[in-house]
Amino acid sequence: MATTASPPTPRPRLLGADLAFRWRPLRRARYQGFVGRTEFVWSRLENGGPVQNAFGMYASAEYQFARRWFAACVTDLSDRAYDDSIRDEGVSALVTFWPSEFSQVRAQYRRTVSATRTAPTSCCSSSCSRSAPTGAHPF
């Protein structure tokens, strides 16, 4: 009985790093603050052909400029794992208002640049309400 060689199994290797930074003034403004986050991921894929070295990243910055108001900017990009010459990118701007601790209203602008299709641009808004379980009241 003859045996045939099976194709090599792709062996991905991943490396990632995360970084977060939070700032809030100590004495001046109670309703001001900044949060910055970023994440980087590197991938190396050996699948019998050329080695693919892909990269991806995400970064966001959020600033609280009033008691219930936040503004944010988000950007991301990534190479395709099986073809590192193809890159997708996106950028987004957001404004969020929290009328109460249980609800929020958000407006967002997003632009995506994909290597395989046209670059869609979108504007959207959302509203979210939450309810939390409460304990029994004594009255």
Protein backbone atom coordinates (compact mmCIF):
# COMPACT_ATOMS: atom_id res chain seq x y z
CA MET A 1 0.00 0.00 0.00
CA ALA A 2 1.42 3.34 -1.05
CA THR A 3 1.27 6.30 1.27
CA THR A 4 0.99 9.85 0.10
CA ALA A 5 2.55 12.77 1.88
CA SER A 6 0.03 15.15 3.37
CA PRO A 7 0.53 18.87 2.87
CA PRO A 8 2.29 20.63 5.71
CA THR A 9 0.01 21.99 8.40
CA PRO A 10 0.21 25.77 8.74
CA ARG A 11 2.02 26.78 11.92
CA PRO A 12 1.01 30.25 13.05
CA ARG A 13 3.02 32.09 15.66
CA LEU A 14 1.49 35.08 17.42
CA LEU A 15 2.98 37.85 19.52
CA GLY A 16 0.90 40.60 21.08
CA ALA A 17 1.22 43.61 23.34
CA ASP A 18 -1.38 45.78 25.10
CA LEU A 19 -0.98 49.20 26.63
CA ALA A 20 -3.50 51.34 28.51
CA PHE A 21 -3.15 54.83 29.98
CA ARG A 22 -5.67 56.55 32.26
CA TRP A 23 -5.53 60.16 33.40
CA ARG A 24 -7.86 62.15 35.62
CA PRO A 25 -6.96 65.53 37.15
CA LEU A 26 -6.47 65.36 40.90
CA ARG A 27 -7.92 68.69 42.00
CA ARG A 28 -9.28 70.71 39.09
CA ALA A 29 -12.12 69.19 37.16
CA ARG A 30 -14.12 66.31 38.52
CA TYR A 31 -15.68 65.50 35.14
CA GLN A 32 -12.60 65.39 32.97
CA GLY A 33 -10.43 62.46 32.08
CA PHE A 34 -8.58 60.65 29.34
CA VAL A 35 -8.24 56.95 28.53
CA GLY A 36 -5.87 55.71 25.83
CA ARG A 37 -5.64 52.09 24.77
CA THR A 38 -3.60 50.31 22.14
CA GLU A 39 -2.97 46.73 21.11
CA PHE A 40 -0.43 45.30 18.67
CA VAL A 41 -0.39 41.78 17.18
CA TRP A 42 2.26 40.19 14.98
CA SER A 43 1.66 36.92 13.19
CA ARG A 44 4.11 34.64 11.39
CA LEU A 45 2.57 31.90 9.27
CA GLU A 46 4.63 29.14 7.70
CA ASN A 47 2.41 27.14 5.35
CA GLY A 48 4.86 25.57 2.90
CA GLY A 49 4.97 28.63 0.63
CA PRO A 50 6.38 32.03 1.36
CA VAL A 51 6.35 32.97 5.03
CA GLN A 52 3.63 35.50 5.87
CA ASN A 53 4.51 38.16 8.47
CA ALA A 54 1.26 39.99 9.22
CA PHE A 55 0.73 42.92 11.57
CA GLY A 56 -2.37 44.36 13.19
CA MET A 57 -3.06 47.15 15.63
CA TYR A 58 -5.85 48.98 17.40
CA ALA A 59 -5.68 52.34 19.17
CA SER A 60 -8.35 54.39 20.90
CA ALA A 61 -8.44 57.68 22.76
CA GLU A 62 -11.42 58.76 24.84
CA TYR A 63 -11.76 62.16 26.54
CA GLN A 64 -14.45 63.16 29.00
CA PHE A 65 -15.06 66.86 28.46
CA ALA A 66 -18.19 67.42 30.58
CA ARG A 67 -20.20 65.67 33.27
CA ARG A 68 -21.93 63.17 30.98
CA TRP A 69 -20.17 63.77 27.65
CA PHE A 70 -17.36 61.78 26.04
CA ALA A 71 -15.55 62.09 22.70
CA ALA A 72 -13.45 59.29 21.25
CA CYS A 73 -11.34 58.41 18.24
CA VAL A 74 -10.52 54.83 17.21
CA THR A 75 -8.18 53.55 14.51
CA ASP A 76 -7.28 50.02 13.49
CA LEU A 77 -5.39 48.26 10.75
CA SER A 78 -4.56 44.68 9.95
CA ASP A 79 -2.76 42.63 7.35
CA ARG A 80 -4.35 39.42 6.13
CA ALA A 81 -2.87 36.34 7.79
CA TYR A 82 -2.55 34.37 4.53
CA ASP A 83 -1.41 37.34 2.38
CA ASP A 84 0.44 40.04 4.30
CA SER A 85 0.47 42.35 1.26
CA ILE A 86 -3.27 43.00 1.76
CA ARG A 87 -4.09 45.56 4.47
CA ASP A 88 -7.45 46.75 5.84
CA GLU A 89 -7.72 50.05 7.76
CA GLY A 90 -10.45 51.87 9.62
CA VAL A 91 -10.97 55.07 11.57
CA SER A 92 -13.91 56.12 13.70
CA ALA A 93 -15.00 59.19 15.68
CA LEU A 94 -17.61 58.96 18.43
CA VAL A 95 -19.55 61.28 20.73
CA THR A 96 -21.37 59.71 23.68
CA PHE A 97 -23.88 61.21 26.10
CA TRP A 98 -24.96 59.40 29.29
CA PRO A 99 -28.34 60.86 30.40
CA SER A 100 -28.28 58.50 33.39
CA GLU A 101 -26.19 55.64 34.66
CA PHE A 102 -28.52 53.19 32.92
CA SER A 103 -28.71 54.69 29.40
CA GLN A 104 -26.47 56.18 26.75
CA VAL A 105 -26.83 57.87 23.37
CA ARG A 106 -23.98 57.64 20.86
CA ALA A 107 -23.23 59.12 17.43
CA GLN A 108 -20.46 57.60 15.32
CA TYR A 109 -18.70 58.30 12.03
CA ARG A 110 -16.70 55.39 10.57
CA ARG A 111 -14.55 55.08 7.46
CA THR A 112 -13.16 51.72 6.40
CA VAL A 113 -10.56 51.18 3.70
CA SER A 114 -10.53 47.55 2.63
CA ALA A 115 -7.99 46.22 0.16
CA THR A 116 -10.60 44.08 -1.62
CA ARG A 117 -13.59 46.46 -1.94
CA THR A 118 -14.56 50.10 -2.00
CA ALA A 119 -14.16 52.23 1.08
CA PRO A 120 -17.55 52.48 2.82
CA THR A 121 -18.21 55.47 5.03
CA SER A 122 -21.00 55.34 7.58
CA CYS A 123 -22.64 57.55 10.13
CA CYS A 124 -24.82 55.98 12.76
CA SER A 125 -26.39 56.64 16.10
CA SER A 126 -27.42 54.29 18.83
CA SER A 127 -29.28 54.35 22.08
CA CYS A 128 -28.85 51.82 24.83
CA SER A 129 -30.82 51.34 28.03
CA ARG A 130 -29.89 49.00 30.82
CA SER A 131 -31.78 47.75 33.79
CA ALA A 132 -30.22 46.22 36.82
CA PRO A 133 -31.80 43.95 39.37
CA THR A 134 -32.57 45.72 42.61
CA GLY A 135 -33.07 44.30 46.05
CA ALA A 136 -36.32 44.30 47.96
CA HIS A 137 -37.38 47.68 49.33
CA PRO A 138 -38.44 47.98 52.97
CA PHE A 139 -41.53 50.10 52.23
